[in-house]
Amino acid sequence: MMIFSLRFGSRLLVIISSPCTVEECFTKNDIIFANRPIFLFGKYIGYSNTIVTSAPYGEHWRNLRRLSALEIFSPNRLNMFIGTRRDEIKILLHRLSQN
């Protein structure tokens, strides 16, 4: 098992190589690791860190996550846009094949 840290710009990253240790970190200490780093993106584009991808862990984030699961990622809603997703995948594959 190896645990080490890296400086990634101004951020400190912790690398854990053991799956058992990773599982322990995310089950016994899940609340400690639940927050996301604060970036300028969240302030200016993420409406002061109030969108689901940049909101800090808490009641607001849980409500956003629940609404996303019910309204955006529900099977019915996903099926409504299956044609659009297929078209976008075709365009992407076509562009990738030309490079």
PDB file of N, CA and C in Angstrom:
ATOM      1  N   MET A   1       0.849  -1.179   0.000  1.00  0.00           N
ATOM      2  CA  MET A   1       0.000   0.000   0.000  1.00  0.00           C
ATOM      3  C   MET A   1       0.893   1.239   0.000  1.00  0.00           C
ATOM      4  N   MET A   2       0.526   2.177  -0.873  1.00  0.00           N
ATOM      5  CA  MET A   2       1.263   3.440  -0.929  1.00  0.00           C
ATOM      6  C   MET A   2       0.286   4.599  -0.803  1.00  0.00           C
ATOM      7  N   ILE A   3       0.626   5.543   0.042  1.00  0.00           N
ATOM      8  CA  ILE A   3      -0.116   6.794   0.152  1.00  0.00           C
ATOM      9  C   ILE A   3       0.907   7.904   0.014  1.00  0.00           C
ATOM     10  N   PHE A   4       0.674   8.790  -0.953  1.00  0.00           N
ATOM     11  CA  PHE A   4       1.578   9.922  -1.113  1.00  0.00           C
ATOM     12  C   PHE A   4       0.794  11.115  -1.606  1.00  0.00           C
ATOM     13  N   SER A   5       1.414  12.272  -1.527  1.00  0.00           N
ATOM     14  CA  SER A   5       0.740  13.496  -1.955  1.00  0.00           C
ATOM     15  C   SER A   5       1.531  14.158  -3.071  1.00  0.00           C
ATOM     16  N   LEU A   6       0.801  14.852  -3.918  1.00  0.00           N
ATOM     17  CA  LEU A   6       1.383  15.605  -5.024  1.00  0.00           C
ATOM     18  C   LEU A   6       0.833  17.017  -4.987  1.00  0.00           C
ATOM     19  N   ARG A   7       1.639  17.961  -5.363  1.00  0.00           N
ATOM     20  CA  ARG A   7       1.178  19.336  -5.499  1.00  0.00           C
ATOM     21  C   ARG A   7       0.776  19.514  -6.956  1.00  0.00           C
ATOM     22  N   PHE A   8      -0.495  19.805  -7.211  1.00  0.00           N
ATOM     23  CA  PHE A   8      -1.028  19.994  -8.559  1.00  0.00           C
ATOM     24  C   PHE A   8      -1.427  21.458  -8.680  1.00  0.00           C
ATOM     25  N   GLY A   9      -0.481  22.289  -9.126  1.00  0.00           N
ATOM     26  CA  GLY A   9      -0.709  23.729  -9.094  1.00  0.00           C
ATOM     27  C   GLY A   9      -0.743  24.168  -7.644  1.00  0.00           C
ATOM     28  N   SER A  10      -1.821  24.810  -7.250  1.00  0.00           N
ATOM     29  CA  SER A  10      -1.949  25.247  -5.861  1.00  0.00           C
ATOM     30  C   SER A  10      -2.696  24.224  -5.011  1.00  0.00           C
ATOM     31  N   ARG A  11      -3.069  23.093  -5.601  1.00  0.00           N
ATOM     32  CA  ARG A  11      -3.854  22.073  -4.896  1.00  0.00           C
ATOM     33  C   ARG A  11      -2.982  20.914  -4.436  1.00  0.00           C
ATOM     34  N   LEU A  12      -3.287  20.391  -3.276  1.00  0.00           N
ATOM     35  CA  LEU A  12      -2.610  19.206  -2.766  1.00  0.00           C
ATOM     36  C   LEU A  12      -3.486  17.995  -3.077  1.00  0.00           C
ATOM     37  N   LEU A  13      -2.935  17.007  -3.774  1.00  0.00           N
ATOM     38  CA  LEU A  13      -3.651  15.778  -4.090  1.00  0.00           C
ATOM     39  C   LEU A  13      -3.083  14.648  -3.255  1.00  0.00           C
ATOM     40  N   VAL A  14      -3.943  13.780  -2.771  1.00  0.00           N
ATOM     41  CA  VAL A  14      -3.515  12.600  -2.029  1.00  0.00           C
ATOM     42  C   VAL A  14      -3.784  11.391  -2.904  1.00  0.00           C
ATOM     43  N   ILE A  15      -2.749  10.578  -3.131  1.00  0.00           N
ATOM     44  CA  ILE A  15      -2.845   9.389  -3.967  1.00  0.00           C
ATOM     45  C   ILE A  15      -2.803   8.172  -3.056  1.00  0.00           C
ATOM     46  N   ILE A  16      -3.787   7.284  -3.206  1.00  0.00           N
ATOM     47  CA  ILE A  16      -3.859   6.053  -2.422  1.00  0.00           C
ATOM     48  C   ILE A  16      -3.892   4.894  -3.407  1.00  0.00           C
ATOM     49  N   SER A  17      -2.930   3.971  -3.297  1.00  0.00           N
ATOM     50  CA  SER A  17      -2.819   2.898  -4.281  1.00  0.00           C
ATOM     51  C   SER A  17      -3.532   1.615  -3.873  1.00  0.00           C
ATOM     52  N   SER A  18      -3.976   1.500  -2.663  1.00  0.00           N
ATOM     53  CA  SER A  18      -4.619   0.278  -2.186  1.00  0.00           C
ATOM     54  C   SER A  18      -6.139   0.393  -2.272  1.00  0.00           C
ATOM     55  N   PRO A  19      -6.799  -0.510  -3.001  1.00  0.00           N
ATOM     56  CA  PRO A  19      -8.265  -0.464  -3.079  1.00  0.00           C
ATOM     57  C   PRO A  19      -8.935  -0.567  -1.707  1.00  0.00           C
ATOM     58  N   CYS A  20      -8.367  -1.348  -0.812  1.00  0.00           N
ATOM     59  CA  CYS A  20      -8.952  -1.481   0.531  1.00  0.00           C
ATOM     60  C   CYS A  20      -8.897  -0.159   1.295  1.00  0.00           C
ATOM     61  N   THR A  21      -7.789   0.537   1.173  1.00  0.00           N
ATOM     62  CA  THR A  21      -7.638   1.822   1.852  1.00  0.00           C
ATOM     63  C   THR A  21      -8.553   2.868   1.235  1.00  0.00           C
ATOM     64  N   VAL A  22      -8.684   2.845  -0.080  1.00  0.00           N
ATOM     65  CA  VAL A  22      -9.604   3.774  -0.750  1.00  0.00           C
ATOM     66  C   VAL A  22     -11.025   3.531  -0.261  1.00  0.00           C
ATOM     67  N   GLU A  23     -11.417   2.261  -0.190  1.00  0.00           N
ATOM     68  CA  GLU A  23     -12.761   1.934   0.294  1.00  0.00           C
ATOM     69  C   GLU A  23     -12.968   2.436   1.719  1.00  0.00           C
ATOM     70  N   GLU A  24     -11.965   2.259   2.559  1.00  0.00           N
ATOM     71  CA  GLU A  24     -12.059   2.739   3.934  1.00  0.00           C
ATOM     72  C   GLU A  24     -12.209   4.258   3.979  1.00  0.00           C
ATOM     73  N   CYS A  25     -11.460   4.957   3.135  1.00  0.00           N
ATOM     74  CA  CYS A  25     -11.553   6.422   3.094  1.00  0.00           C
ATOM     75  C   CYS A  25     -12.952   6.880   2.715  1.00  0.00           C
ATOM     76  N   PHE A  26     -13.558   6.189   1.758  1.00  0.00           N
ATOM     77  CA  PHE A  26     -14.846   6.648   1.249  1.00  0.00           C
ATOM     78  C   PHE A  26     -16.043   6.018   1.945  1.00  0.00           C
ATOM     79  N   THR A  27     -15.817   5.138   2.918  1.00  0.00           N
ATOM     80  CA  THR A  27     -16.939   4.625   3.695  1.00  0.00           C
ATOM     81  C   THR A  27     -16.901   5.161   5.122  1.00  0.00           C
ATOM     82  N   LYS A  28     -15.747   5.106   5.753  1.00  0.00           N
ATOM     83  CA  LYS A  28     -15.644   5.573   7.139  1.00  0.00           C
ATOM     84  C   LYS A  28     -15.453   7.081   7.232  1.00  0.00           C
ATOM     85  N   ASN A  29     -14.877   7.687   6.209  1.00  0.00           N
ATOM     86  CA  ASN A  29     -14.586   9.124   6.236  1.00  0.00           C
ATOM     87  C   ASN A  29     -15.252   9.847   5.074  1.00  0.00           C
ATOM     88  N   ASP A  30     -16.400   9.357   4.643  1.00  0.00           N
ATOM     89  CA  ASP A  30     -17.019   9.893   3.435  1.00  0.00           C
ATOM     90  C   ASP A  30     -17.383  11.368   3.542  1.00  0.00           C
ATOM     91  N   ILE A  31     -17.820  11.824   4.684  1.00  0.00           N
ATOM     92  CA  ILE A  31     -18.203  13.231   4.835  1.00  0.00           C
ATOM     93  C   ILE A  31     -16.985  14.143   4.704  1.00  0.00           C
ATOM     94  N   ILE A  32     -15.840  13.696   5.200  1.00  0.00           N
ATOM     95  CA  ILE A  32     -14.623  14.504   5.117  1.00  0.00           C
ATOM     96  C   ILE A  32     -14.234  14.743   3.658  1.00  0.00           C
ATOM     97  N   PHE A  33     -14.404  13.710   2.814  1.00  0.00           N
ATOM     98  CA  PHE A  33     -13.995  13.798   1.411  1.00  0.00           C
ATOM     99  C   PHE A  33     -15.124  14.255   0.488  1.00  0.00           C
ATOM    100  N   ALA A  34     -16.285  14.588   1.033  1.00  0.00           N
ATOM    101  CA  ALA A  34     -17.447  14.892   0.201  1.00  0.00           C
ATOM    102  C   ALA A  34     -17.360  16.249  -0.493  1.00  0.00           C
ATOM    103  N   ASN A  35     -16.702  17.214   0.093  1.00  0.00           N
ATOM    104  CA  ASN A  35     -16.642  18.544  -0.518  1.00  0.00           C
ATOM    105  C   ASN A  35     -15.735  18.582  -1.730  1.00  0.00           C
ATOM    106  N   ARG A  36     -15.998  19.536  -2.585  1.00  0.00           N
ATOM    107  CA  ARG A  36     -15.200  19.747  -3.783  1.00  0.00           C
ATOM    108  C   ARG A  36     -14.319  20.971  -3.574  1.00  0.00           C
ATOM    109  N   PRO A  37     -13.213  21.036  -4.301  1.00  0.00           N
ATOM    110  CA  PRO A  37     -12.393  22.247  -4.191  1.00  0.00           C
ATOM    111  C   PRO A  37     -13.132  23.451  -4.767  1.00  0.00           C
ATOM    112  N   ILE A  38     -12.834  24.614  -4.250  1.00  0.00           N
ATOM    113  CA  ILE A  38     -13.450  25.852  -4.725  1.00  0.00           C
ATOM    114  C   ILE A  38     -12.591  26.417  -5.854  1.00  0.00           C
ATOM    115  N   PHE A  39     -13.203  26.595  -7.023  1.00  0.00           N
ATOM    116  CA  PHE A  39     -12.522  27.168  -8.183  1.00  0.00           C
ATOM    117  C   PHE A  39     -13.235  28.447  -8.607  1.00  0.00           C
ATOM    118  N   LEU A  40     -12.546  29.299  -9.358  1.00  0.00           N
ATOM    119  CA  LEU A  40     -13.179  30.511  -9.882  1.00  0.00           C
ATOM    120  C   LEU A  40     -14.342  30.173 -10.800  1.00  0.00           C
ATOM    121  N   PHE A  41     -14.265  29.019 -11.475  1.00  0.00           N
ATOM    122  CA  PHE A  41     -15.368  28.564 -12.319  1.00  0.00           C
ATOM    123  C   PHE A  41     -16.680  28.572 -11.541  1.00  0.00           C
ATOM    124  N   GLY A  42     -16.651  28.008 -10.345  1.00  0.00           N
ATOM    125  CA  GLY A  42     -17.858  27.924  -9.536  1.00  0.00           C
ATOM    126  C   GLY A  42     -18.398  29.276  -9.140  1.00  0.00           C
ATOM    127  N   LYS A  43     -17.513  30.216  -8.938  1.00  0.00           N
ATOM    128  CA  LYS A  43     -17.947  31.556  -8.540  1.00  0.00           C
ATOM    129  C   LYS A  43     -18.596  32.300  -9.698  1.00  0.00           C
ATOM    130  N   TYR A  44     -17.958  32.283 -10.870  1.00  0.00           N
ATOM    131  CA  TYR A  44     -18.423  33.117 -11.980  1.00  0.00           C
ATOM    132  C   TYR A  44     -19.374  32.404 -12.937  1.00  0.00           C
ATOM    133  N   ILE A  45     -19.156  31.135 -13.189  1.00  0.00           N
ATOM    134  CA  ILE A  45     -20.016  30.404 -14.125  1.00  0.00           C
ATOM    135  C   ILE A  45     -21.016  29.537 -13.372  1.00  0.00           C
ATOM    136  N   GLY A  46     -20.646  29.107 -12.186  1.00  0.00           N
ATOM    137  CA  GLY A  46     -21.502  28.239 -11.388  1.00  0.00           C
ATOM    138  C   GLY A  46     -22.385  28.985 -10.411  1.00  0.00           C
ATOM    139  N   TYR A  47     -22.697  30.233 -10.701  1.00  0.00           N
ATOM    140  CA  TYR A  47     -23.616  31.031  -9.883  1.00  0.00           C
ATOM    141  C   TYR A  47     -23.220  30.996  -8.405  1.00  0.00           C
ATOM    142  N   SER A  48     -21.990  31.372  -8.132  1.00  0.00           N
ATOM    143  CA  SER A  48     -21.445  31.413  -6.765  1.00  0.00           C
ATOM    144  C   SER A  48     -21.522  30.044  -6.083  1.00  0.00           C
ATOM    145  N   ASN A  49     -21.109  29.026  -6.814  1.00  0.00           N
ATOM    146  CA  ASN A  49     -21.058  27.650  -6.302  1.00  0.00           C
ATOM    147  C   ASN A  49     -22.418  27.128  -5.858  1.00  0.00           C
ATOM    148  N   THR A  50     -23.457  27.442  -6.618  1.00  0.00           N
ATOM    149  CA  THR A  50     -24.793  26.964  -6.258  1.00  0.00           C
ATOM    150  C   THR A  50     -25.320  25.898  -7.213  1.00  0.00           C
ATOM    151  N   ILE A  51     -24.538  25.487  -8.224  1.00  0.00           N
ATOM    152  CA  ILE A  51     -24.979  24.416  -9.117  1.00  0.00           C
ATOM    153  C   ILE A  51     -24.421  23.089  -8.607  1.00  0.00           C
ATOM    154  N   VAL A  52     -25.012  21.992  -9.046  1.00  0.00           N
ATOM    155  CA  VAL A  52     -24.691  20.679  -8.476  1.00  0.00           C
ATOM    156  C   VAL A  52     -23.217  20.314  -8.624  1.00  0.00           C
ATOM    157  N   THR A  53     -22.553  20.747  -9.681  1.00  0.00           N
ATOM    158  CA  THR A  53     -21.155  20.365  -9.889  1.00  0.00           C
ATOM    159  C   THR A  53     -20.175  21.159  -9.037  1.00  0.00           C
ATOM    160  N   SER A  54     -20.601  22.279  -8.473  1.00  0.00           N
ATOM    161  CA  SER A  54     -19.669  23.073  -7.671  1.00  0.00           C
ATOM    162  C   SER A  54     -20.176  23.390  -6.272  1.00  0.00           C
ATOM    163  N   ALA A  55     -21.391  22.988  -5.953  1.00  0.00           N
ATOM    164  CA  ALA A  55     -21.942  23.289  -4.627  1.00  0.00           C
ATOM    165  C   ALA A  55     -21.237  22.461  -3.559  1.00  0.00           C
ATOM    166  N   PRO A  56     -20.978  23.058  -2.403  1.00  0.00           N
ATOM    167  CA  PRO A  56     -20.385  22.278  -1.314  1.00  0.00           C
ATOM    168  C   PRO A  56     -21.389  21.249  -0.801  1.00  0.00           C
ATOM    169  N   TYR A  57     -20.859  20.165  -0.250  1.00  0.00           N
ATOM    170  CA  TYR A  57     -21.722  19.115   0.279  1.00  0.00           C
ATOM    171  C   TYR A  57     -22.580  19.679   1.401  1.00  0.00           C
ATOM    172  N   GLY A  58     -23.855  19.370   1.368  1.00  0.00           N
ATOM    173  CA  GLY A  58     -24.780  19.834   2.391  1.00  0.00           C
ATOM    174  C   GLY A  58     -26.204  19.691   1.890  1.00  0.00           C
ATOM    175  N   GLU A  59     -27.127  20.328   2.573  1.00  0.00           N
ATOM    176  CA  GLU A  59     -28.545  20.206   2.241  1.00  0.00           C
ATOM    177  C   GLU A  59     -28.846  20.705   0.825  1.00  0.00           C
ATOM    178  N   HIS A  60     -28.276  21.839   0.435  1.00  0.00           N
ATOM    179  CA  HIS A  60     -28.512  22.387  -0.907  1.00  0.00           C
ATOM    180  C   HIS A  60     -28.030  21.414  -1.981  1.00  0.00           C
ATOM    181  N   TRP A  61     -26.827  20.862  -1.809  1.00  0.00           N
ATOM    182  CA  TRP A  61     -26.290  19.907  -2.783  1.00  0.00           C
ATOM    183  C   TRP A  61     -27.167  18.656  -2.854  1.00  0.00           C
ATOM    184  N   ARG A  62     -27.619  18.149  -1.700  1.00  0.00           N
ATOM    185  CA  ARG A  62     -28.474  16.951  -1.691  1.00  0.00           C
ATOM    186  C   ARG A  62     -29.786  17.218  -2.419  1.00  0.00           C
ATOM    187  N   ASN A  63     -30.363  18.413  -2.243  1.00  0.00           N
ATOM    188  CA  ASN A  63     -31.592  18.756  -2.967  1.00  0.00           C
ATOM    189  C   ASN A  63     -31.345  18.830  -4.469  1.00  0.00           C
ATOM    190  N   LEU A  64     -30.230  19.447  -4.874  1.00  0.00           N
ATOM    191  CA  LEU A  64     -29.901  19.515  -6.304  1.00  0.00           C
ATOM    192  C   LEU A  64     -29.703  18.122  -6.888  1.00  0.00           C
ATOM    193  N   ARG A  65     -29.029  17.272  -6.152  1.00  0.00           N
ATOM    194  CA  ARG A  65     -28.780  15.903  -6.620  1.00  0.00           C
ATOM    195  C   ARG A  65     -30.098  15.138  -6.765  1.00  0.00           C
ATOM    196  N   ARG A  66     -30.979  15.273  -5.783  1.00  0.00           N
ATOM    197  CA  ARG A  66     -32.274  14.591  -5.834  1.00  0.00           C
ATOM    198  C   ARG A  66     -33.095  15.080  -7.022  1.00  0.00           C
ATOM    199  N   LEU A  67     -33.146  16.395  -7.223  1.00  0.00           N
ATOM    200  CA  LEU A  67     -33.888  16.943  -8.361  1.00  0.00           C
ATOM    201  C   LEU A  67     -33.291  16.497  -9.690  1.00  0.00           C
ATOM    202  N   SER A  68     -31.976  16.443  -9.769  1.00  0.00           N
ATOM    203  CA  SER A  68     -31.324  15.976 -11.000  1.00  0.00           C
ATOM    204  C   SER A  68     -31.709  14.539 -11.295  1.00  0.00           C
ATOM    205  N   ALA A  69     -31.695  13.705 -10.275  1.00  0.00           N
ATOM    206  CA  ALA A  69     -32.036  12.296 -10.470  1.00  0.00           C
ATOM    207  C   ALA A  69     -33.487  12.134 -10.896  1.00  0.00           C
ATOM    208  N   LEU A  70     -34.371  12.922 -10.322  1.00  0.00           N
ATOM    209  CA  LEU A  70     -35.795  12.787 -10.633  1.00  0.00           C
ATOM    210  C   LEU A  70     -36.190  13.446 -11.946  1.00  0.00           C
ATOM    211  N   GLU A  71     -35.639  14.613 -12.237  1.00  0.00           N
ATOM    212  CA  GLU A  71     -36.100  15.401 -13.374  1.00  0.00           C
ATOM    213  C   GLU A  71     -35.220  15.321 -14.612  1.00  0.00           C
ATOM    214  N   ILE A  72     -33.922  15.145 -14.455  1.00  0.00           N
ATOM    215  CA  ILE A  72     -33.019  15.169 -15.607  1.00  0.00           C
ATOM    216  C   ILE A  72     -32.595  13.769 -16.014  1.00  0.00           C
ATOM    217  N   PHE A  73     -32.260  12.937 -15.046  1.00  0.00           N
ATOM    218  CA  PHE A  73     -31.704  11.623 -15.351  1.00  0.00           C
ATOM    219  C   PHE A  73     -32.686  10.480 -15.130  1.00  0.00           C
ATOM    220  N   SER A  74     -33.970  10.778 -15.074  1.00  0.00           N
ATOM    221  CA  SER A  74     -34.962   9.710 -14.949  1.00  0.00           C
ATOM    222  C   SER A  74     -35.041   8.952 -16.274  1.00  0.00           C
ATOM    223  N   PRO A  75     -35.410   7.675 -16.254  1.00  0.00           N
ATOM    224  CA  PRO A  75     -35.499   6.904 -17.505  1.00  0.00           C
ATOM    225  C   PRO A  75     -36.404   7.551 -18.551  1.00  0.00           C
ATOM    226  N   ASN A  76     -37.529   8.095 -18.135  1.00  0.00           N
ATOM    227  CA  ASN A  76     -38.435   8.734 -19.100  1.00  0.00           C
ATOM    228  C   ASN A  76     -37.788   9.942 -19.765  1.00  0.00           C
ATOM    229  N   ARG A  77     -37.126  10.773 -18.968  1.00  0.00           N
ATOM    230  CA  ARG A  77     -36.487  11.975 -19.510  1.00  0.00           C
ATOM    231  C   ARG A  77     -35.327  11.603 -20.431  1.00  0.00           C
ATOM    232  N   LEU A  78     -34.546  10.603 -20.045  1.00  0.00           N
ATOM    233  CA  LEU A  78     -33.440  10.162 -20.896  1.00  0.00           C
ATOM    234  C   LEU A  78     -33.950   9.598 -22.216  1.00  0.00           C
ATOM    235  N   ASN A  79     -35.052   8.859 -22.163  1.00  0.00           N
ATOM    236  CA  ASN A  79     -35.623   8.301 -23.396  1.00  0.00           C
ATOM    237  C   ASN A  79     -36.150   9.386 -24.327  1.00  0.00           C
ATOM    238  N   MET A  80     -36.579  10.511 -23.772  1.00  0.00           N
ATOM    239  CA  MET A  80     -37.071  11.611 -24.610  1.00  0.00           C
ATOM    240  C   MET A  80     -35.977  12.144 -25.534  1.00  0.00           C
ATOM    241  N   PHE A  81     -34.733  12.055 -25.110  1.00  0.00           N
ATOM    242  CA  PHE A  81     -33.633  12.644 -25.869  1.00  0.00           C
ATOM    243  C   PHE A  81     -32.707  11.607 -26.496  1.00  0.00           C
ATOM    244  N   ILE A  82     -33.184  10.377 -26.648  1.00  0.00           N
ATOM    245  CA  ILE A  82     -32.330   9.337 -27.205  1.00  0.00           C
ATOM    246  C   ILE A  82     -31.933   9.650 -28.648  1.00  0.00           C
ATOM    247  N   GLY A  83     -32.840  10.222 -29.417  1.00  0.00           N
ATOM    248  CA  GLY A  83     -32.528  10.593 -30.801  1.00  0.00           C
ATOM    249  C   GLY A  83     -31.439  11.652 -30.877  1.00  0.00           C
ATOM    250  N   THR A  84     -31.534  12.641 -30.023  1.00  0.00           N
ATOM    251  CA  THR A  84     -30.524  13.701 -29.983  1.00  0.00           C
ATOM    252  C   THR A  84     -29.166  13.134 -29.598  1.00  0.00           C
ATOM    253  N   ARG A  85     -29.143  12.250 -28.605  1.00  0.00           N
ATOM    254  CA  ARG A  85     -27.874  11.644 -28.199  1.00  0.00           C
ATOM    255  C   ARG A  85     -27.274  10.814 -29.327  1.00  0.00           C
ATOM    256  N   ARG A  86     -28.108  10.066 -30.039  1.00  0.00           N
ATOM    257  CA  ARG A  86     -27.610   9.275 -31.176  1.00  0.00           C
ATOM    258  C   ARG A  86     -27.008  10.177 -32.244  1.00  0.00           C
ATOM    259  N   ASP A  87     -27.703  11.259 -32.562  1.00  0.00           N
ATOM    260  CA  ASP A  87     -27.193  12.191 -33.574  1.00  0.00           C
ATOM    261  C   ASP A  87     -25.855  12.788 -33.151  1.00  0.00           C
ATOM    262  N   GLU A  88     -25.741  13.180 -31.892  1.00  0.00           N
ATOM    263  CA  GLU A  88     -24.494  13.765 -31.404  1.00  0.00           C
ATOM    264  C   GLU A  88     -23.356  12.744 -31.416  1.00  0.00           C
ATOM    265  N   ILE A  89     -23.652  11.504 -31.100  1.00  0.00           N
ATOM    266  CA  ILE A  89     -22.623  10.452 -31.143  1.00  0.00           C
ATOM    267  C   ILE A  89     -22.162  10.224 -32.570  1.00  0.00           C
ATOM    268  N   LYS A  90     -23.088  10.233 -33.526  1.00  0.00           N
ATOM    269  CA  LYS A  90     -22.712  10.070 -34.938  1.00  0.00           C
ATOM    270  C   LYS A  90     -21.794  11.201 -35.387  1.00  0.00           C
ATOM    271  N   ILE A  91     -22.134  12.419 -35.010  1.00  0.00           N
ATOM    272  CA  ILE A  91     -21.301  13.576 -35.370  1.00  0.00           C
ATOM    273  C   ILE A  91     -19.914  13.439 -34.744  1.00  0.00           C
ATOM    274  N   LEU A  92     -19.869  13.068 -33.472  1.00  0.00           N
ATOM    275  CA  LEU A  92     -18.590  12.900 -32.786  1.00  0.00           C
ATOM    276  C   LEU A  92     -17.741  11.826 -33.456  1.00  0.00           C
ATOM    277  N   LEU A  93     -18.333  10.668 -33.750  1.00  0.00           N
ATOM    278  CA  LEU A  93     -17.584   9.586 -34.392  1.00  0.00           C
ATOM    279  C   LEU A  93     -17.101   9.989 -35.774  1.00  0.00           C
ATOM    280  N   HIS A  94     -17.925  10.727 -36.495  1.00  0.00           N
ATOM    281  CA  HIS A  94     -17.522  11.195 -37.823  1.00  0.00           C
ATOM    282  C   HIS A  94     -16.316  12.132 -37.725  1.00  0.00           C
ATOM    283  N   ARG A  95     -16.362  13.067 -36.772  1.00  0.00           N
ATOM    284  CA  ARG A  95     -15.239  13.999 -36.597  1.00  0.00           C
ATOM    285  C   ARG A  95     -13.976  13.281 -36.143  1.00  0.00           C
ATOM    286  N   LEU A  96     -14.126  12.304 -35.267  1.00  0.00           N
ATOM    287  CA  LEU A  96     -12.962  11.551 -34.805  1.00  0.00           C
ATOM    288  C   LEU A  96     -12.350  10.719 -35.926  1.00  0.00           C
ATOM    289  N   SER A  97     -13.180  10.174 -36.792  1.00  0.00           N
ATOM    290  CA  SER A  97     -12.661   9.341 -37.884  1.00  0.00           C
ATOM    291  C   SER A  97     -11.927  10.170 -38.933  1.00  0.00           C
ATOM    292  N   GLN A  98     -12.207  11.461 -39.004  1.00  0.00           N
ATOM    293  CA  GLN A  98     -11.546  12.318 -39.986  1.00  0.00           C
ATOM    294  C   GLN A  98     -10.192  12.815 -39.490  1.00  0.00           C
ATOM    295  N   ASN A  99      -9.917  12.669 -38.216  1.00  0.00           N
ATOM    296  CA  ASN A  99      -8.628  13.131 -37.667  1.00  0.00           C
ATOM    297  C   ASN A  99      -7.658  12.048 -37.718  1.00  0.00           C
TER     298      ASN A  99
END
